[in-house]
N, C-alpha and C. Protein backbone atom coordinates (compact mmCIF):
# COMPACT_ATOMS: atom_id res chain seq x y z
N MET A 1 -8.51 17.13 3.51
CA MET A 1 -9.41 16.02 3.66
C MET A 1 -8.46 14.73 3.49
N TYR A 2 -8.45 13.75 4.36
CA TYR A 2 -7.58 12.62 4.32
C TYR A 2 -8.46 11.34 4.66
N ALA A 3 -7.74 10.23 4.29
CA ALA A 3 -8.53 8.89 4.55
C ALA A 3 -7.43 7.88 5.16
N ILE A 4 -7.93 6.93 5.75
CA ILE A 4 -7.05 5.77 6.08
C ILE A 4 -7.63 4.61 5.18
N ILE A 5 -6.73 4.15 4.37
CA ILE A 5 -7.11 2.99 3.59
C ILE A 5 -6.18 1.74 3.96
N ARG A 6 -6.72 0.53 3.59
CA ARG A 6 -6.15 -0.78 3.64
C ARG A 6 -5.93 -1.40 2.48
N THR A 7 -4.63 -1.65 2.20
CA THR A 7 -4.25 -2.51 1.03
C THR A 7 -2.98 -3.31 1.28
N GLY A 8 -3.03 -4.49 0.77
CA GLY A 8 -1.88 -5.38 0.86
C GLY A 8 -1.74 -5.83 2.47
N GLY A 9 -2.70 -5.77 3.27
CA GLY A 9 -2.60 -6.19 4.63
C GLY A 9 -1.90 -4.98 5.44
N LYS A 10 -1.88 -3.92 5.06
CA LYS A 10 -1.27 -2.75 5.72
C LYS A 10 -2.30 -1.47 5.42
N GLN A 11 -2.17 -0.56 6.55
CA GLN A 11 -3.00 0.55 6.53
C GLN A 11 -2.08 1.86 6.29
N TYR A 12 -2.73 2.80 5.51
CA TYR A 12 -2.07 4.04 5.05
C TYR A 12 -2.85 5.16 5.24
N GLN A 13 -2.35 6.26 5.64
CA GLN A 13 -3.06 7.60 5.71
C GLN A 13 -2.73 8.35 4.46
N VAL A 14 -3.55 8.85 3.70
CA VAL A 14 -3.45 9.36 2.37
C VAL A 14 -4.22 10.67 2.16
N GLU A 15 -3.76 11.48 1.34
CA GLU A 15 -4.35 12.79 1.01
C GLU A 15 -4.18 12.87 -0.46
N ALA A 16 -5.03 13.84 -1.13
CA ALA A 16 -4.94 13.85 -2.64
C ALA A 16 -3.53 14.52 -2.85
N GLY A 17 -2.89 14.04 -3.95
CA GLY A 17 -1.42 14.48 -4.23
C GLY A 17 -0.39 13.55 -3.55
N ASP A 18 -0.66 12.68 -2.63
CA ASP A 18 0.31 12.02 -1.98
C ASP A 18 0.91 10.89 -3.05
N ARG A 19 2.31 10.41 -2.90
CA ARG A 19 2.70 9.43 -3.45
C ARG A 19 3.13 8.33 -2.40
N LEU A 20 2.84 7.12 -2.73
CA LEU A 20 3.13 5.98 -1.83
C LEU A 20 3.35 4.70 -2.37
N ARG A 21 4.15 3.90 -1.74
CA ARG A 21 4.48 2.61 -2.42
C ARG A 21 3.78 1.62 -1.59
N VAL A 22 3.00 0.65 -2.11
CA VAL A 22 2.24 -0.45 -1.57
C VAL A 22 2.52 -1.72 -2.19
N GLU A 23 2.10 -2.80 -1.64
CA GLU A 23 2.33 -4.17 -2.05
C GLU A 23 1.72 -4.30 -3.57
N LYS A 24 2.45 -4.99 -4.32
CA LYS A 24 2.03 -5.12 -5.78
C LYS A 24 0.51 -5.27 -5.89
N LEU A 25 0.08 -4.28 -6.87
CA LEU A 25 -1.20 -4.34 -7.53
C LEU A 25 -1.22 -4.58 -8.98
N GLU A 26 -2.12 -5.32 -9.42
CA GLU A 26 -2.21 -5.57 -11.06
C GLU A 26 -2.66 -4.34 -11.52
N GLY A 27 -1.99 -4.16 -12.76
CA GLY A 27 -2.12 -2.96 -13.73
C GLY A 27 -0.83 -2.43 -14.24
N GLU A 28 -1.06 -1.65 -15.27
CA GLU A 28 0.02 -1.07 -16.06
C GLU A 28 0.31 0.44 -15.59
N VAL A 29 1.48 0.76 -15.81
CA VAL A 29 1.78 2.18 -15.44
C VAL A 29 0.96 3.17 -16.27
N GLY A 30 0.34 4.08 -15.57
CA GLY A 30 -0.65 4.96 -16.09
C GLY A 30 -1.98 4.62 -15.95
N ALA A 31 -2.27 3.38 -15.36
CA ALA A 31 -3.58 2.95 -15.22
C ALA A 31 -4.14 3.56 -13.94
N THR A 32 -5.38 3.59 -13.78
CA THR A 32 -6.14 4.13 -12.63
C THR A 32 -6.65 2.99 -11.85
N VAL A 33 -6.43 3.13 -10.54
CA VAL A 33 -6.78 2.13 -9.48
C VAL A 33 -7.74 2.76 -8.54
N GLU A 34 -8.89 2.07 -8.23
CA GLU A 34 -9.86 2.46 -7.19
C GLU A 34 -9.56 1.57 -5.80
N LEU A 35 -9.35 2.24 -4.90
CA LEU A 35 -9.11 1.69 -3.57
C LEU A 35 -10.29 1.82 -2.66
N GLU A 36 -11.11 0.75 -2.54
CA GLU A 36 -12.43 0.97 -1.78
C GLU A 36 -12.41 0.38 -0.56
N GLU A 37 -11.37 -0.01 0.04
CA GLU A 37 -11.26 -0.27 1.57
C GLU A 37 -10.89 0.81 2.32
N VAL A 38 -11.70 1.76 2.58
CA VAL A 38 -11.46 2.93 3.41
C VAL A 38 -12.02 2.65 4.62
N LEU A 39 -11.03 2.86 5.75
CA LEU A 39 -11.44 2.66 7.15
C LEU A 39 -11.88 3.92 7.84
N LEU A 40 -11.26 5.04 7.36
CA LEU A 40 -11.73 6.26 8.07
C LEU A 40 -11.62 7.43 7.13
N LEU A 41 -12.61 8.42 7.18
CA LEU A 41 -12.68 9.49 6.19
C LEU A 41 -12.87 10.67 6.99
N VAL A 42 -11.80 11.87 6.97
CA VAL A 42 -11.96 13.08 7.65
C VAL A 42 -11.91 14.16 6.65
N ASP A 43 -12.99 14.86 6.66
CA ASP A 43 -13.18 16.06 5.84
C ASP A 43 -13.52 17.27 6.77
N GLY A 44 -12.39 17.96 6.96
CA GLY A 44 -12.58 19.20 8.00
C GLY A 44 -12.92 18.69 9.38
N GLU A 45 -14.06 19.12 9.77
CA GLU A 45 -14.49 18.68 11.17
C GLU A 45 -15.32 17.31 11.14
N SER A 46 -15.91 17.00 10.04
CA SER A 46 -16.52 15.74 10.13
C SER A 46 -15.62 14.44 9.78
N VAL A 47 -15.95 13.60 10.70
CA VAL A 47 -15.21 12.40 10.70
C VAL A 47 -16.20 11.22 10.54
N GLN A 48 -15.83 10.30 9.51
CA GLN A 48 -16.57 9.07 9.30
C GLN A 48 -15.78 7.81 9.56
N ILE A 49 -16.27 7.11 10.51
CA ILE A 49 -15.43 5.97 10.94
C ILE A 49 -16.13 4.76 10.54
N GLY A 50 -15.49 3.91 9.64
CA GLY A 50 -16.11 2.66 9.23
C GLY A 50 -16.18 1.62 10.29
N ARG A 51 -17.17 0.71 10.02
CA ARG A 51 -17.54 -0.33 10.85
C ARG A 51 -17.65 -1.55 10.05
N PRO A 52 -16.77 -2.31 9.38
CA PRO A 52 -15.23 -1.87 9.43
C PRO A 52 -14.91 -0.91 8.27
N LEU A 53 -15.73 -0.82 7.15
CA LEU A 53 -15.44 0.16 6.01
C LEU A 53 -16.41 1.27 6.06
N VAL A 54 -15.92 2.41 5.47
CA VAL A 54 -16.96 3.49 5.26
C VAL A 54 -17.66 3.22 4.09
N GLU A 55 -19.13 3.24 4.27
CA GLU A 55 -19.91 2.88 2.93
C GLU A 55 -19.76 3.99 1.96
N GLY A 56 -19.66 3.47 0.58
CA GLY A 56 -19.56 4.44 -0.50
C GLY A 56 -18.24 5.27 -0.59
N ALA A 57 -17.27 5.13 0.23
CA ALA A 57 -16.12 5.87 0.13
C ALA A 57 -15.19 5.18 -0.70
N LYS A 58 -14.33 5.86 -1.72
CA LYS A 58 -13.21 5.30 -2.38
C LYS A 58 -12.24 6.20 -2.50
N VAL A 59 -10.96 5.88 -2.82
CA VAL A 59 -9.81 6.60 -3.27
C VAL A 59 -9.33 6.17 -4.40
N THR A 60 -9.07 7.17 -5.36
CA THR A 60 -8.69 7.02 -6.80
C THR A 60 -7.13 7.20 -6.92
N ALA A 61 -6.34 6.42 -7.49
CA ALA A 61 -5.06 6.60 -7.63
C ALA A 61 -4.55 6.23 -8.94
N THR A 62 -3.39 6.74 -9.52
CA THR A 62 -2.85 6.47 -10.61
C THR A 62 -1.53 5.69 -10.35
N ILE A 63 -1.29 4.52 -11.25
CA ILE A 63 0.02 3.64 -11.02
C ILE A 63 1.00 4.52 -11.69
N ILE A 64 2.20 4.96 -10.97
CA ILE A 64 3.25 5.57 -11.60
C ILE A 64 4.52 4.72 -11.79
N GLU A 65 4.51 3.63 -11.11
CA GLU A 65 5.72 2.69 -11.16
C GLU A 65 5.49 1.32 -10.63
N GLN A 66 5.92 0.26 -11.34
CA GLN A 66 5.94 -1.02 -10.82
C GLN A 66 7.34 -1.53 -10.81
N GLY A 67 7.70 -2.00 -9.65
CA GLY A 67 9.21 -2.31 -9.31
C GLY A 67 9.45 -3.36 -8.33
N ARG A 68 10.69 -3.50 -8.02
CA ARG A 68 11.11 -4.17 -6.93
C ARG A 68 12.03 -3.44 -5.89
N GLN A 69 11.94 -3.76 -4.73
CA GLN A 69 12.69 -3.24 -3.66
C GLN A 69 14.07 -3.67 -3.58
N LYS A 70 14.92 -2.93 -2.74
CA LYS A 70 16.33 -3.52 -2.40
C LYS A 70 16.29 -4.84 -1.99
N LYS A 71 17.25 -5.75 -2.29
CA LYS A 71 17.46 -6.96 -1.81
C LYS A 71 17.84 -7.24 -0.35
N ILE A 72 17.14 -7.99 0.26
CA ILE A 72 17.45 -8.19 1.77
C ILE A 72 17.92 -9.58 1.60
N ILE A 73 18.91 -9.93 2.61
CA ILE A 73 19.60 -11.13 2.63
C ILE A 73 19.23 -11.87 4.00
N VAL A 74 18.64 -13.19 3.62
CA VAL A 74 18.13 -14.05 4.80
C VAL A 74 19.25 -15.19 4.99
N PHE A 75 19.92 -15.16 6.20
CA PHE A 75 20.99 -15.95 6.50
C PHE A 75 20.80 -16.71 7.58
N LYS A 76 20.83 -18.07 7.58
CA LYS A 76 20.52 -19.14 8.55
C LYS A 76 21.92 -19.88 8.94
N LYS A 77 22.20 -20.03 10.22
CA LYS A 77 23.27 -20.74 10.63
C LYS A 77 23.11 -21.51 11.88
N LYS A 78 23.57 -22.81 12.00
CA LYS A 78 23.65 -23.53 13.09
C LYS A 78 25.04 -23.94 13.58
N ARG A 79 25.34 -23.26 14.62
CA ARG A 79 26.77 -23.35 15.15
C ARG A 79 27.35 -24.69 15.22
N ARG A 80 28.38 -25.12 14.75
CA ARG A 80 29.13 -26.43 14.99
C ARG A 80 28.63 -27.53 14.32
N LYS A 81 27.60 -27.28 13.41
CA LYS A 81 26.82 -28.30 12.58
C LYS A 81 27.26 -28.23 11.12
N GLY A 82 27.86 -27.23 10.72
CA GLY A 82 28.21 -26.99 9.32
C GLY A 82 27.04 -26.57 8.44
N TYR A 83 25.91 -26.10 9.19
CA TYR A 83 24.67 -25.81 8.32
C TYR A 83 24.55 -24.20 8.19
N GLN A 84 24.53 -23.86 6.95
CA GLN A 84 24.23 -22.49 6.76
C GLN A 84 23.66 -22.30 5.44
N VAL A 85 22.70 -21.36 5.29
CA VAL A 85 21.86 -21.07 4.16
C VAL A 85 21.77 -19.63 3.90
N LYS A 86 22.08 -19.15 2.81
CA LYS A 86 21.86 -17.84 2.32
C LYS A 86 20.96 -17.60 1.09
N LYS A 87 19.92 -16.75 1.45
CA LYS A 87 18.91 -16.35 0.40
C LYS A 87 18.73 -15.02 0.44
N GLY A 88 18.40 -14.55 -0.88
CA GLY A 88 18.12 -13.17 -0.98
C GLY A 88 16.50 -12.97 -1.31
N HIS A 89 16.08 -11.82 -1.08
CA HIS A 89 14.63 -11.67 -1.60
C HIS A 89 14.40 -10.08 -1.88
N ARG A 90 13.62 -10.01 -3.10
CA ARG A 90 13.33 -8.54 -3.54
C ARG A 90 11.80 -8.55 -3.61
N GLN A 91 11.14 -7.69 -2.77
CA GLN A 91 9.78 -7.64 -2.80
C GLN A 91 9.29 -6.65 -3.89
N PHE A 92 8.02 -7.14 -4.51
CA PHE A 92 7.52 -6.41 -5.62
C PHE A 92 6.63 -5.29 -4.92
N TYR A 93 6.71 -4.07 -5.58
CA TYR A 93 5.72 -2.99 -5.14
C TYR A 93 5.17 -2.21 -6.27
N THR A 94 4.19 -1.38 -5.98
CA THR A 94 3.58 -0.51 -6.88
C THR A 94 3.44 0.93 -6.29
N ALA A 95 4.07 1.84 -6.97
CA ALA A 95 4.04 3.28 -6.54
C ALA A 95 2.76 3.90 -7.19
N LEU A 96 1.96 4.60 -6.17
CA LEU A 96 0.81 5.16 -6.62
C LEU A 96 0.77 6.60 -6.41
N ASN A 97 0.15 7.36 -7.07
CA ASN A 97 -0.22 8.83 -6.97
C ASN A 97 -1.60 8.96 -6.58
N ILE A 98 -1.92 9.54 -5.42
CA ILE A 98 -3.34 9.63 -4.98
C ILE A 98 -4.01 10.73 -5.68
N GLU A 99 -5.06 10.54 -6.44
CA GLU A 99 -5.73 11.61 -7.27
C GLU A 99 -6.95 12.23 -6.35
N THR A 100 -7.84 11.51 -6.02
CA THR A 100 -9.02 11.91 -5.35
C THR A 100 -9.45 11.00 -4.28
N ILE A 101 -10.19 11.67 -3.42
CA ILE A 101 -10.88 11.01 -2.26
C ILE A 101 -12.20 11.32 -2.46
N SER A 102 -13.12 10.35 -2.41
CA SER A 102 -14.79 10.47 -2.62
C SER A 102 -15.40 9.80 -1.47
N ALA A 103 -16.54 10.41 -1.09
CA ALA A 103 -17.16 9.96 0.08
C ALA A 103 -18.50 9.20 -0.43
């Protein structure tokens, strides 16, 4: 059984037992999170396609880590003008362990 979920403006395919990093969600480490934006649900041969969401379906996950990703450097420069800007950015993320998928 697997599901396609939407969180943080992105879509993920998840199964029970999977670990994945998503955009930051509120909650402490060890807390349980219910993701209710299920777009597709596949259980063996039966497929439920949401229009836009599958009614009554949800994915339960546990927060295993709150952190920040590696720094990326944003560098802007205009040639011959003496203009250059260097900035760094570290995106926040939440690591989840998928517990159950229910319809």
